[in-house]
């Protein structure tokens, strides 16, 4: 893994895989409205800290900076504003008039119902998008709000999932829709109990994209005593997916479990090999947002998306 450049180190904010030192007080909350719509989403502020990473007999420490994270998975109601231009407006949160959301590439129309009848509007999670499409949504949302959002790194995601503890949940059904109670479908977000930091559906419902390239040996990829690591993409496929889904057994529905994304998730897309938007066979994967505590300059945001999105 390459080290982060100085321009990225302060906003590629990360969290840990592993054993987290938590914050005693309940996290601060904020609500973000999407300009020109009736949609908004909630985020909580995590202070960061030092994470102990365990991988077999090995241990390492990860140092991480503060960040905001969405309390819920991105919903279809929110994503459709990006997907369908007719539901978007030119209203934005930019004070300097730099709005350019319509310049961001938008998803091509899917050839079939990618929800397979499990639900769309009314708070259901958005699913079946590629990691690249999830990042394009972040890019569009930046243009709409003037605030930089991205996917969580693998370490950030796990830090948030563990919520200051070891991430063990018993009974799992209190916080997660999984194989035994999920009824073979995803559900409206936020119906189960949140974790200690107020985050819903970190386990189960739908698994979630992270920013990282998948590597079998995370410690080797992150390096010793890593600070805000990001395992950068090497190609279009093989990203780390976390959290488990409605189709995951209880034993694999935990904060540490890792899944490698597969090109097979796109195999039935008739737009292959040019398709960059849809994973036709991954209705169990969605995403949630991270917002860095320190916002980067516009030029740094542009550079980030160029590096992160591998179409």
C-alpha atoms as a PDB file:
ATOM      1  CA  UNK A   1       0.000   0.000   0.000  1.00  0.00           C
ATOM      2  CA  UNK A   2       1.309   3.436  -0.875  1.00  0.00           C
ATOM      3  CA  UNK A   3       1.488   6.018   1.896  1.00  0.00           C
ATOM      4  CA  UNK A   4      -1.023   8.829   1.765  1.00  0.00           C
ATOM      5  CA  UNK A   5       0.232  12.064   0.316  1.00  0.00           C
ATOM      6  CA  UNK A   6       0.191  15.109   2.633  1.00  0.00           C
ATOM      7  CA  UNK A   7      -2.767  16.578   0.760  1.00  0.00           C
ATOM      8  CA  UNK A   8      -4.860  13.499   1.479  1.00  0.00           C
ATOM      9  CA  UNK A   9      -3.686  12.501   4.944  1.00  0.00           C
ATOM     10  CA  UNK A  10      -6.038  14.806   6.802  1.00  0.00           C
ATOM     11  CA  UNK A  11      -9.232  13.721   5.082  1.00  0.00           C
ATOM     12  CA  UNK A  12      -8.816  10.039   4.336  1.00  0.00           C
ATOM     13  CA  UNK A  13      -9.939   9.495   7.867  1.00  0.00           C
ATOM     14  CA  UNK A  14      -9.925   6.023   9.129  1.00  0.00           C
ATOM     15  CA  UNK A  15     -10.999   3.721  11.814  1.00  0.00           C
ATOM     16  CA  UNK A  16     -10.175   0.282  12.861  1.00  0.00           C
ATOM     17  CA  UNK A  17     -10.692  -3.317  12.226  1.00  0.00           C
ATOM     18  CA  UNK A  18     -10.542  -4.479  15.565  1.00  0.00           C
ATOM     19  CA  UNK A  19     -10.328  -3.340  19.167  1.00  0.00           C
ATOM     20  CA  UNK A  20     -11.452   0.253  19.498  1.00  0.00           C
ATOM     21  CA  UNK A  21     -10.967   2.777  22.257  1.00  0.00           C
ATOM     22  CA  UNK A  22     -14.324   4.501  22.352  1.00  0.00           C
ATOM     23  CA  UNK A  23     -15.762   7.855  23.247  1.00  0.00           C
ATOM     24  CA  UNK A  24     -17.641   7.935  26.531  1.00  0.00           C
ATOM     25  CA  UNK A  25     -20.227  10.577  25.659  1.00  0.00           C
ATOM     26  CA  UNK A  26     -22.904   9.994  22.992  1.00  0.00           C
ATOM     27  CA  UNK A  27     -21.660  11.259  19.615  1.00  0.00           C
ATOM     28  CA  UNK A  28     -22.678  14.663  18.335  1.00  0.00           C
ATOM     29  CA  UNK A  29     -25.298  14.489  15.569  1.00  0.00           C
ATOM     30  CA  UNK A  30     -25.985  16.597  12.512  1.00  0.00           C
ATOM     31  CA  UNK A  31     -28.601  16.505   9.768  1.00  0.00           C
ATOM     32  CA  UNK A  32     -27.722  17.126   6.121  1.00  0.00           C
ATOM     33  CA  UNK A  33     -30.451  18.273   3.720  1.00  0.00           C
ATOM     34  CA  UNK A  34     -30.108  17.595  -0.003  1.00  0.00           C
ATOM     35  CA  UNK A  35     -30.839  20.956  -1.691  1.00  0.00           C
ATOM     36  CA  UNK A  36     -33.914  21.088  -3.900  1.00  0.00           C
ATOM     37  CA  UNK A  37     -35.498  18.000  -2.351  1.00  0.00           C
ATOM     38  CA  UNK A  38     -37.347  16.782   0.718  1.00  0.00           C
ATOM     39  CA  UNK A  39     -34.560  14.323   1.517  1.00  0.00           C
ATOM     40  CA  UNK A  40     -32.068  14.546   4.369  1.00  0.00           C
ATOM     41  CA  UNK A  41     -29.819  12.192   6.297  1.00  0.00           C
ATOM     42  CA  UNK A  42     -28.277  12.073   9.755  1.00  0.00           C
ATOM     43  CA  UNK A  43     -24.608  11.705  10.642  1.00  0.00           C
ATOM     44  CA  UNK A  44     -22.721  11.278  13.931  1.00  0.00           C
ATOM     45  CA  UNK A  45     -19.270  12.571  14.824  1.00  0.00           C
ATOM     46  CA  UNK A  46     -16.610  10.037  15.836  1.00  0.00           C
ATOM     47  CA  UNK A  47     -13.498  11.363  17.542  1.00  0.00           C
ATOM     48  CA  UNK A  48     -11.033   8.831  16.213  1.00  0.00           C
ATOM     49  CA  UNK A  49      -8.276   7.285  18.309  1.00  0.00           C
ATOM     50  CA  UNK A  50      -5.949   4.294  18.300  1.00  0.00           C
ATOM     51  CA  UNK A  51      -7.163   0.880  17.141  1.00  0.00           C
ATOM     52  CA  UNK A  52      -5.561  -2.448  17.924  1.00  0.00           C
ATOM     53  CA  UNK A  53      -5.759  -4.694  14.881  1.00  0.00           C
ATOM     54  CA  UNK A  54      -5.706  -8.457  15.401  1.00  0.00           C
ATOM     55  CA  UNK A  55      -5.062 -10.768  12.464  1.00  0.00           C
ATOM     56  CA  UNK A  56      -4.349 -14.327  13.517  1.00  0.00           C
ATOM     57  CA  UNK A  57      -1.404 -14.192  15.924  1.00  0.00           C
ATOM     58  CA  UNK A  58      -0.404 -10.734  14.749  1.00  0.00           C
ATOM     59  CA  UNK A  59      -1.388  -7.380  16.168  1.00  0.00           C
ATOM     60  CA  UNK A  60      -0.862  -3.838  15.006  1.00  0.00           C
ATOM     61  CA  UNK A  61      -2.072  -0.352  15.807  1.00  0.00           C
ATOM     62  CA  UNK A  62      -3.936   2.027  13.558  1.00  0.00           C
ATOM     63  CA  UNK A  63      -4.178   5.712  14.357  1.00  0.00           C
ATOM     64  CA  UNK A  64      -7.202   7.528  13.013  1.00  0.00           C
ATOM     65  CA  UNK A  65      -8.534  11.025  12.793  1.00  0.00           C
ATOM     66  CA  UNK A  66     -12.073  12.295  13.535  1.00  0.00           C
ATOM     67  CA  UNK A  67     -14.870  11.856  10.989  1.00  0.00           C
ATOM     68  CA  UNK A  68     -18.631  11.927  10.554  1.00  0.00           C
ATOM     69  CA  UNK A  69     -20.513   8.812   9.427  1.00  0.00           C
ATOM     70  CA  UNK A  70     -24.106   8.254   8.311  1.00  0.00           C
ATOM     71  CA  UNK A  71     -26.376   6.722  10.925  1.00  0.00           C
ATOM     72  CA  UNK A  72     -28.192   4.795   8.177  1.00  0.00           C
ATOM     73  CA  UNK A  73     -27.458   3.289   4.802  1.00  0.00           C
ATOM     74  CA  UNK A  74     -28.114   5.492   1.762  1.00  0.00           C
ATOM     75  CA  UNK A  75     -31.723   4.974   0.726  1.00  0.00           C
ATOM     76  CA  UNK A  76     -33.344   4.625  -2.670  1.00  0.00           C
ATOM     77  CA  UNK A  77     -35.218   7.883  -1.969  1.00  0.00           C
ATOM     78  CA  UNK A  78     -31.881   9.708  -1.744  1.00  0.00           C
ATOM     79  CA  UNK A  79     -30.078   7.885  -4.543  1.00  0.00           C
ATOM     80  CA  UNK A  80     -32.896   8.347  -7.068  1.00  0.00           C
ATOM     81  CA  UNK A  81     -32.308  12.120  -6.971  1.00  0.00           C
ATOM     82  CA  UNK A  82     -28.903  11.361  -8.486  1.00  0.00           C
ATOM     83  CA  UNK A  83     -30.038   8.507 -10.705  1.00  0.00           C
ATOM     84  CA  UNK A  84     -32.959  10.289 -12.355  1.00  0.00           C
ATOM     85  CA  UNK A  85     -32.264  13.866 -13.512  1.00  0.00           C
ATOM     86  CA  UNK A  86     -36.002  14.590 -13.601  1.00  0.00           C
ATOM     87  CA  UNK A  87     -36.078  14.327  -9.812  1.00  0.00           C
ATOM     88  CA  UNK A  88     -33.089  16.649  -9.353  1.00  0.00           C
ATOM     89  CA  UNK A  89     -33.044  20.457  -9.379  1.00  0.00           C
ATOM     90  CA  UNK A  90     -30.383  23.120  -9.856  1.00  0.00           C
ATOM     91  CA  UNK A  91     -30.627  24.207  -6.228  1.00  0.00           C
ATOM     92  CA  UNK A  92     -27.390  23.746  -4.302  1.00  0.00           C
ATOM     93  CA  UNK A  93     -25.648  24.585  -1.042  1.00  0.00           C
ATOM     94  CA  UNK A  94     -22.668  26.289  -2.695  1.00  0.00           C
ATOM     95  CA  UNK A  95     -22.180  29.857  -1.508  1.00  0.00           C
ATOM     96  CA  UNK A  96     -19.713  30.690  -4.283  1.00  0.00           C
ATOM     97  CA  UNK A  97     -21.938  29.580  -7.162  1.00  0.00           C
ATOM     98  CA  UNK A  98     -19.706  26.647  -8.081  1.00  0.00           C
ATOM     99  CA  UNK A  99     -22.589  24.212  -8.519  1.00  0.00           C
ATOM    100  CA  UNK A 100     -21.914  21.651 -11.252  1.00  0.00           C
ATOM    101  CA  UNK A 101     -23.921  18.577 -10.263  1.00  0.00           C
ATOM    102  CA  UNK A 102     -25.217  18.042 -13.781  1.00  0.00           C
ATOM    103  CA  UNK A 103     -21.625  17.595 -14.950  1.00  0.00           C
ATOM    104  CA  UNK A 104     -21.317  14.432 -12.848  1.00  0.00           C
ATOM    105  CA  UNK A 105     -21.991  11.264 -14.841  1.00  0.00           C
ATOM    106  CA  UNK A 106     -25.259   9.563 -13.887  1.00  0.00           C
ATOM    107  CA  UNK A 107     -26.287   5.893 -13.954  1.00  0.00           C
ATOM    108  CA  UNK A 108     -27.552   4.380 -17.176  1.00  0.00           C
ATOM    109  CA  UNK A 109     -31.115   3.011 -16.966  1.00  0.00           C
ATOM    110  CA  UNK A 110     -31.100  -0.563 -15.635  1.00  0.00           C
ATOM    111  CA  UNK A 111     -32.532  -3.265 -17.888  1.00  0.00           C
ATOM    112  CA  UNK A 112     -34.400  -4.990 -15.068  1.00  0.00           C
ATOM    113  CA  UNK A 113     -35.735  -4.372 -11.582  1.00  0.00           C
ATOM    114  CA  UNK A 114     -32.531  -4.382  -9.560  1.00  0.00           C
ATOM    115  CA  UNK A 115     -34.483  -4.553  -6.304  1.00  0.00           C
ATOM    116  CA  UNK A 116     -36.155  -7.834  -7.325  1.00  0.00           C
ATOM    117  CA  UNK A 117     -39.376  -6.567  -5.786  1.00  0.00           C
ATOM    118  CA  UNK A 118     -37.894  -6.085  -2.315  1.00  0.00           C
ATOM    119  CA  UNK A 119     -38.671  -2.365  -2.089  1.00  0.00           C
ATOM    120  CA  UNK A 120     -37.662   1.064  -3.357  1.00  0.00           C
ATOM    121  CA  UNK A 121     -39.181   4.275  -1.999  1.00  0.00           C
ATOM    122  CA  UNK A 122     -40.068   4.717   1.636  1.00  0.00           C
ATOM    123  CA  UNK A 123     -36.688   4.181   3.293  1.00  0.00           C
ATOM    124  CA  UNK A 124     -35.366   1.025   1.666  1.00  0.00           C
ATOM    125  CA  UNK A 125     -31.595   0.881   1.076  1.00  0.00           C
ATOM    126  CA  UNK A 126     -30.244   1.505  -2.408  1.00  0.00           C
ATOM    127  CA  UNK A 127     -28.619  -1.690  -3.704  1.00  0.00           C
ATOM    128  CA  UNK A 128     -26.930  -3.346  -6.671  1.00  0.00           C
ATOM    129  CA  UNK A 129     -24.715  -0.393  -7.588  1.00  0.00           C
ATOM    130  CA  UNK A 130     -21.002  -0.800  -8.245  1.00  0.00           C
ATOM    131  CA  UNK A 131     -18.496   0.792  -5.904  1.00  0.00           C
ATOM    132  CA  UNK A 132     -17.731   3.258  -8.692  1.00  0.00           C
ATOM    133  CA  UNK A 133     -21.403   4.261  -8.857  1.00  0.00           C
ATOM    134  CA  UNK A 134     -21.500   4.767  -5.082  1.00  0.00           C
ATOM    135  CA  UNK A 135     -18.516   7.103  -5.384  1.00  0.00           C
ATOM    136  CA  UNK A 136     -20.200   8.973  -8.254  1.00  0.00           C
ATOM    137  CA  UNK A 137     -23.120   9.570  -5.888  1.00  0.00           C
ATOM    138  CA  UNK A 138     -20.663  11.048  -3.388  1.00  0.00           C
ATOM    139  CA  UNK A 139     -19.279  13.253  -6.152  1.00  0.00           C
ATOM    140  CA  UNK A 140     -22.776  14.433  -7.098  1.00  0.00           C
ATOM    141  CA  UNK A 141     -23.654  15.081  -3.452  1.00  0.00           C
ATOM    142  CA  UNK A 142     -20.527  17.212  -3.095  1.00  0.00           C
ATOM    143  CA  UNK A 143     -21.707  19.338  -6.011  1.00  0.00           C
ATOM    144  CA  UNK A 144     -25.189  19.602  -4.496  1.00  0.00           C
ATOM    145  CA  UNK A 145     -24.149  20.501  -0.952  1.00  0.00           C
ATOM    146  CA  UNK A 146     -20.626  21.903  -1.147  1.00  0.00           C
ATOM    147  CA  UNK A 147     -19.629  19.237   1.416  1.00  0.00           C
ATOM    148  CA  UNK A 148     -17.178  16.457   0.590  1.00  0.00           C
ATOM    149  CA  UNK A 149     -18.537  12.954   1.219  1.00  0.00           C
ATOM    150  CA  UNK A 150     -16.998   9.588   0.369  1.00  0.00           C
ATOM    151  CA  UNK A 151     -17.174   5.923   1.297  1.00  0.00           C
ATOM    152  CA  UNK A 152     -15.587   4.839   4.586  1.00  0.00           C
ATOM    153  CA  UNK A 153     -12.266   3.080   4.445  1.00  0.00           C
ATOM    154  CA  UNK A 154     -12.351  -0.498   5.678  1.00  0.00           C
ATOM    155  CA  UNK A 155     -10.791   0.586   8.956  1.00  0.00           C
ATOM    156  CA  UNK A 156     -13.187   3.499   9.448  1.00  0.00           C
ATOM    157  CA  UNK A 157     -16.114   1.224   8.824  1.00  0.00           C
ATOM    158  CA  UNK A 158     -15.016  -1.343  11.380  1.00  0.00           C
ATOM    159  CA  UNK A 159     -14.176   1.284  13.977  1.00  0.00           C
ATOM    160  CA  UNK A 160     -17.696   2.659  13.653  1.00  0.00           C
ATOM    161  CA  UNK A 161     -19.195  -0.827  13.789  1.00  0.00           C
ATOM    162  CA  UNK A 162     -17.380  -1.738  17.007  1.00  0.00           C
ATOM    163  CA  UNK A 163     -18.488   1.504  18.685  1.00  0.00           C
ATOM    164  CA  UNK A 164     -15.787   1.457  21.326  1.00  0.00           C
ATOM    165  CA  UNK A 165     -16.106  -2.247  22.128  1.00  0.00           C
ATOM    166  CA  UNK A 166     -15.262  -5.587  20.588  1.00  0.00           C
ATOM    167  CA  UNK A 167     -18.231  -5.596  18.224  1.00  0.00           C
ATOM    168  CA  UNK A 168     -19.800  -8.729  19.692  1.00  0.00           C
ATOM    169  CA  UNK A 169     -23.615  -8.629  19.698  1.00  0.00           C
ATOM    170  CA  UNK A 170     -25.899 -11.118  21.428  1.00  0.00           C
ATOM    171  CA  UNK A 171     -28.581 -11.665  20.372  1.00  0.00           C
ATOM    172  CA  UNK A 172     -27.675 -10.650  16.832  1.00  0.00           C
ATOM    173  CA  UNK A 173     -31.349 -10.377  15.904  1.00  0.00           C
ATOM    174  CA  UNK A 174     -31.693  -7.258  18.065  1.00  0.00           C
ATOM    175  CA  UNK A 175     -29.526  -5.218  15.704  1.00  0.00           C
ATOM    176  CA  UNK A 176     -29.494  -7.077  12.385  1.00  0.00           C
ATOM    177  CA  UNK A 177     -31.617  -8.508   9.611  1.00  0.00           C
ATOM    178  CA  UNK A 178     -29.702 -11.671   8.721  1.00  0.00           C
ATOM    179  CA  UNK A 179     -30.348 -15.151   7.323  1.00  0.00           C
ATOM    180  CA  UNK A 180     -32.531 -16.434  10.169  1.00  0.00           C
ATOM    181  CA  UNK A 181     -34.849 -13.410  10.410  1.00  0.00           C
ATOM    182  CA  UNK A 182     -34.386 -11.501   7.151  1.00  0.00           C
ATOM    183  CA  UNK A 183     -37.098 -13.329   5.181  1.00  0.00           C
ATOM    184  CA  UNK A 184     -34.741 -13.371   2.163  1.00  0.00           C
ATOM    185  CA  UNK A 185     -35.093  -9.626   1.584  1.00  0.00           C
ATOM    186  CA  UNK A 186     -33.721  -6.316   2.761  1.00  0.00           C
ATOM    187  CA  UNK A 187     -35.806  -4.029   4.972  1.00  0.00           C
ATOM    188  CA  UNK A 188     -36.438  -0.322   5.565  1.00  0.00           C
ATOM    189  CA  UNK A 189     -33.329   1.125   7.208  1.00  0.00           C
ATOM    190  CA  UNK A 190     -33.216   1.905  10.917  1.00  0.00           C
ATOM    191  CA  UNK A 191     -35.786  -0.582  12.208  1.00  0.00           C
ATOM    192  CA  UNK A 192     -33.401  -2.571  14.412  1.00  0.00           C
ATOM    193  CA  UNK A 193     -31.588  -1.256  17.482  1.00  0.00           C
ATOM    194  CA  UNK A 194     -28.565   0.977  16.783  1.00  0.00           C
ATOM    195  CA  UNK A 195     -25.114   0.279  18.158  1.00  0.00           C
ATOM    196  CA  UNK A 196     -23.658   2.274  21.062  1.00  0.00           C
ATOM    197  CA  UNK A 197     -22.808   5.177  18.780  1.00  0.00           C
ATOM    198  CA  UNK A 198     -26.267   5.418  17.240  1.00  0.00           C
ATOM    199  CA  UNK A 199     -25.507   3.637  13.950  1.00  0.00           C
ATOM    200  CA  UNK A 200     -28.228   1.452  12.450  1.00  0.00           C
ATOM    201  CA  UNK A 201     -27.797  -1.670  10.309  1.00  0.00           C
ATOM    202  CA  UNK A 202     -24.022  -1.822  10.562  1.00  0.00           C
ATOM    203  CA  UNK A 203     -24.618  -5.562  10.693  1.00  0.00           C
ATOM    204  CA  UNK A 204     -27.062  -7.224   8.344  1.00  0.00           C
ATOM    205  CA  UNK A 205     -29.782  -5.757   6.111  1.00  0.00           C
ATOM    206  CA  UNK A 206     -27.357  -4.974   3.265  1.00  0.00           C
ATOM    207  CA  UNK A 207     -23.583  -5.292   3.266  1.00  0.00           C
ATOM    208  CA  UNK A 208     -21.694  -2.064   2.584  1.00  0.00           C
ATOM    209  CA  UNK A 209     -19.006  -0.889   0.207  1.00  0.00           C
ATOM    210  CA  UNK A 210     -15.767   0.443   1.618  1.00  0.00           C
ATOM    211  CA  UNK A 211     -13.181   2.591  -0.117  1.00  0.00           C
ATOM    212  CA  UNK A 212     -10.425  -0.023   0.023  1.00  0.00           C
ATOM    213  CA  UNK A 213      -9.023  -2.462  -2.489  1.00  0.00           C
ATOM    214  CA  UNK A 214      -9.442  -5.947  -1.024  1.00  0.00           C
ATOM    215  CA  UNK A 215      -6.233  -7.528   0.239  1.00  0.00           C
ATOM    216  CA  UNK A 216      -6.247 -10.944   1.983  1.00  0.00           C
ATOM    217  CA  UNK A 217      -3.694  -9.752   4.574  1.00  0.00           C
ATOM    218  CA  UNK A 218      -4.897  -6.382   5.809  1.00  0.00           C
ATOM    219  CA  UNK A 219      -1.972  -5.757   8.186  1.00  0.00           C
ATOM    220  CA  UNK A 220       0.593  -6.289   5.453  1.00  0.00           C
ATOM    221  CA  UNK A 221      -1.296  -3.986   3.110  1.00  0.00           C
ATOM    222  CA  UNK A 222      -1.814  -1.242   5.696  1.00  0.00           C
ATOM    223  CA  UNK A 223       1.745  -1.405   7.003  1.00  0.00           C
ATOM    224  CA  UNK A 224       3.058  -1.207  10.583  1.00  0.00           C
ATOM    225  CA  UNK A 225       1.679   1.491  12.904  1.00  0.00           C
ATOM    226  CA  UNK A 226      -0.431   2.885  10.086  1.00  0.00           C
ATOM    227  CA  UNK A 227      -1.988   6.327  10.304  1.00  0.00           C
ATOM    228  CA  UNK A 228      -5.168   6.875   8.311  1.00  0.00           C
ATOM    229  CA  UNK A 229      -4.407   4.118   5.770  1.00  0.00           C
ATOM    230  CA  UNK A 230      -6.286   3.723   2.525  1.00  0.00           C
ATOM    231  CA  UNK A 231      -5.582   0.652   0.396  1.00  0.00           C
ATOM    232  CA  UNK A 232      -5.942   2.316  -2.971  1.00  0.00           C
ATOM    233  CA  UNK A 233      -7.692   0.747  -5.986  1.00  0.00           C
ATOM    234  CA  UNK A 234      -5.639  -1.173  -8.511  1.00  0.00           C
ATOM    235  CA  UNK A 235      -8.432  -1.855 -10.986  1.00  0.00           C
ATOM    236  CA  UNK A 236     -12.179  -1.978 -11.440  1.00  0.00           C
ATOM    237  CA  UNK A 237     -12.897  -4.943  -9.169  1.00  0.00           C
ATOM    238  CA  UNK A 238     -11.967  -6.485  -5.822  1.00  0.00           C
ATOM    239  CA  UNK A 239     -13.115  -4.018  -3.162  1.00  0.00           C
ATOM    240  CA  UNK A 240     -13.781  -4.851   0.482  1.00  0.00           C
ATOM    241  CA  UNK A 241     -17.435  -5.215   1.501  1.00  0.00           C
ATOM    242  CA  UNK A 242     -18.370  -5.248   5.191  1.00  0.00           C
ATOM    243  CA  UNK A 243     -21.196  -5.996   7.590  1.00  0.00           C
ATOM    244  CA  UNK A 244     -23.087  -8.943   6.169  1.00  0.00           C
ATOM    245  CA  UNK A 245     -26.634  -8.834   4.832  1.00  0.00           C
ATOM    246  CA  UNK A 246     -30.099 -10.340   5.060  1.00  0.00           C
ATOM    247  CA  UNK A 247     -28.605 -13.378   3.326  1.00  0.00           C
ATOM    248  CA  UNK A 248     -25.679 -13.850   5.738  1.00  0.00           C
ATOM    249  CA  UNK A 249     -25.460 -16.485   8.484  1.00  0.00           C
ATOM    250  CA  UNK A 250     -25.075 -15.180  12.047  1.00  0.00           C
ATOM    251  CA  UNK A 251     -21.478 -16.408  12.341  1.00  0.00           C
ATOM    252  CA  UNK A 252     -20.425 -14.189   9.427  1.00  0.00           C
ATOM    253  CA  UNK A 253     -22.552 -11.193  10.377  1.00  0.00           C
ATOM    254  CA  UNK A 254     -19.987  -9.351  12.482  1.00  0.00           C
ATOM    255  CA  UNK A 255     -17.741  -6.293  12.470  1.00  0.00           C
ATOM    256  CA  UNK A 256     -14.575  -8.141  11.441  1.00  0.00           C
ATOM    257  CA  UNK A 257     -15.920 -10.215   8.549  1.00  0.00           C
ATOM    258  CA  UNK A 258     -14.641  -9.174   5.119  1.00  0.00           C
ATOM    259  CA  UNK A 259     -15.987 -10.017   1.677  1.00  0.00           C
ATOM    260  CA  UNK A 260     -14.155  -9.540  -1.606  1.00  0.00           C
ATOM    261  CA  UNK A 261     -16.357  -8.047  -4.306  1.00  0.00           C
ATOM    262  CA  UNK A 262     -16.597 -10.098  -7.470  1.00  0.00           C
ATOM    263  CA  UNK A 263     -16.862  -9.365 -11.174  1.00  0.00           C
ATOM    264  CA  UNK A 264     -19.504 -12.110 -11.209  1.00  0.00           C
ATOM    265  CA  UNK A 265     -21.895  -9.676  -9.520  1.00  0.00           C
ATOM    266  CA  UNK A 266     -22.017  -7.891 -12.896  1.00  0.00           C
ATOM    267  CA  UNK A 267     -22.113 -10.971 -15.111  1.00  0.00           C
ATOM    268  CA  UNK A 268     -25.764 -10.648 -16.209  1.00  0.00           C
ATOM    269  CA  UNK A 269     -25.573  -6.936 -16.988  1.00  0.00           C
ATOM    270  CA  UNK A 270     -26.277  -6.658 -20.754  1.00  0.00           C
ATOM    271  CA  UNK A 271     -24.069  -3.560 -20.928  1.00  0.00           C
ATOM    272  CA  UNK A 272     -20.943  -5.549 -20.024  1.00  0.00           C
ATOM    273  CA  UNK A 273     -18.058  -4.929 -20.636  1.00  0.00           C
ATOM    274  CA  UNK A 274     -18.729  -1.187 -20.751  1.00  0.00           C
ATOM    275  CA  UNK A 275     -21.082  -1.073 -17.776  1.00  0.00           C
ATOM    276  CA  UNK A 276     -19.784   0.840 -14.766  1.00  0.00           C
ATOM    277  CA  UNK A 277     -22.983   1.308 -12.795  1.00  0.00           C
ATOM    278  CA  UNK A 278     -24.819  -1.858 -11.862  1.00  0.00           C
ATOM    279  CA  UNK A 279     -24.093  -5.130 -10.092  1.00  0.00           C
ATOM    280  CA  UNK A 280     -27.107  -7.055 -11.329  1.00  0.00           C
ATOM    281  CA  UNK A 281     -26.531  -9.932  -8.915  1.00  0.00           C
ATOM    282  CA  UNK A 282     -25.701  -8.013  -5.728  1.00  0.00           C
ATOM    283  CA  UNK A 283     -29.044  -6.913  -4.226  1.00  0.00           C
ATOM    284  CA  UNK A 284     -27.390  -7.527  -0.858  1.00  0.00           C
ATOM    285  CA  UNK A 285     -24.858  -4.655  -1.176  1.00  0.00           C
ATOM    286  CA  UNK A 286     -25.407  -0.957  -0.464  1.00  0.00           C
ATOM    287  CA  UNK A 287     -23.359   1.801   1.189  1.00  0.00           C
ATOM    288  CA  UNK A 288     -23.256   4.594   3.761  1.00  0.00           C
ATOM    289  CA  UNK A 289     -21.436   7.918   3.745  1.00  0.00           C
ATOM    290  CA  UNK A 290     -18.449   9.381   5.561  1.00  0.00           C
ATOM    291  CA  UNK A 291     -17.725  13.098   5.864  1.00  0.00           C
ATOM    292  CA  UNK A 292     -14.200  14.157   6.888  1.00  0.00           C
ATOM    293  CA  UNK A 293     -14.013  16.425   9.933  1.00  0.00           C
ATOM    294  CA  UNK A 294     -11.622  18.706   8.034  1.00  0.00           C
ATOM    295  CA  UNK A 295     -12.945  19.504   4.580  1.00  0.00           C
ATOM    296  CA  UNK A 296     -10.394  19.469   1.740  1.00  0.00           C
ATOM    297  CA  UNK A 297     -10.064  22.170  -0.904  1.00  0.00           C
ATOM    298  CA  UNK A 298     -11.963  21.727  -4.201  1.00  0.00           C
ATOM    299  CA  UNK A 299      -8.783  20.811  -6.090  1.00  0.00           C
ATOM    300  CA  UNK A 300      -8.045  18.085  -3.539  1.00  0.00           C
ATOM    301  CA  UNK A 301     -11.581  16.735  -3.834  1.00  0.00           C
ATOM    302  CA  UNK A 302     -11.243  16.544  -7.611  1.00  0.00           C
ATOM    303  CA  UNK A 303      -7.912  14.731  -7.268  1.00  0.00           C
ATOM    304  CA  UNK A 304      -9.421  12.276  -4.792  1.00  0.00           C
ATOM    305  CA  UNK A 305     -12.268  11.227  -7.083  1.00  0.00           C
ATOM    306  CA  UNK A 306      -9.886  10.816 -10.023  1.00  0.00           C
ATOM    307  CA  UNK A 307      -7.781   8.441  -7.937  1.00  0.00           C
ATOM    308  CA  UNK A 308     -10.606   6.588  -6.201  1.00  0.00           C
ATOM    309  CA  UNK A 309     -12.918   5.904  -9.153  1.00  0.00           C
ATOM    310  CA  UNK A 310     -11.641   3.193 -11.472  1.00  0.00           C
ATOM    311  CA  UNK A 311     -14.230   2.755 -14.232  1.00  0.00           C
END
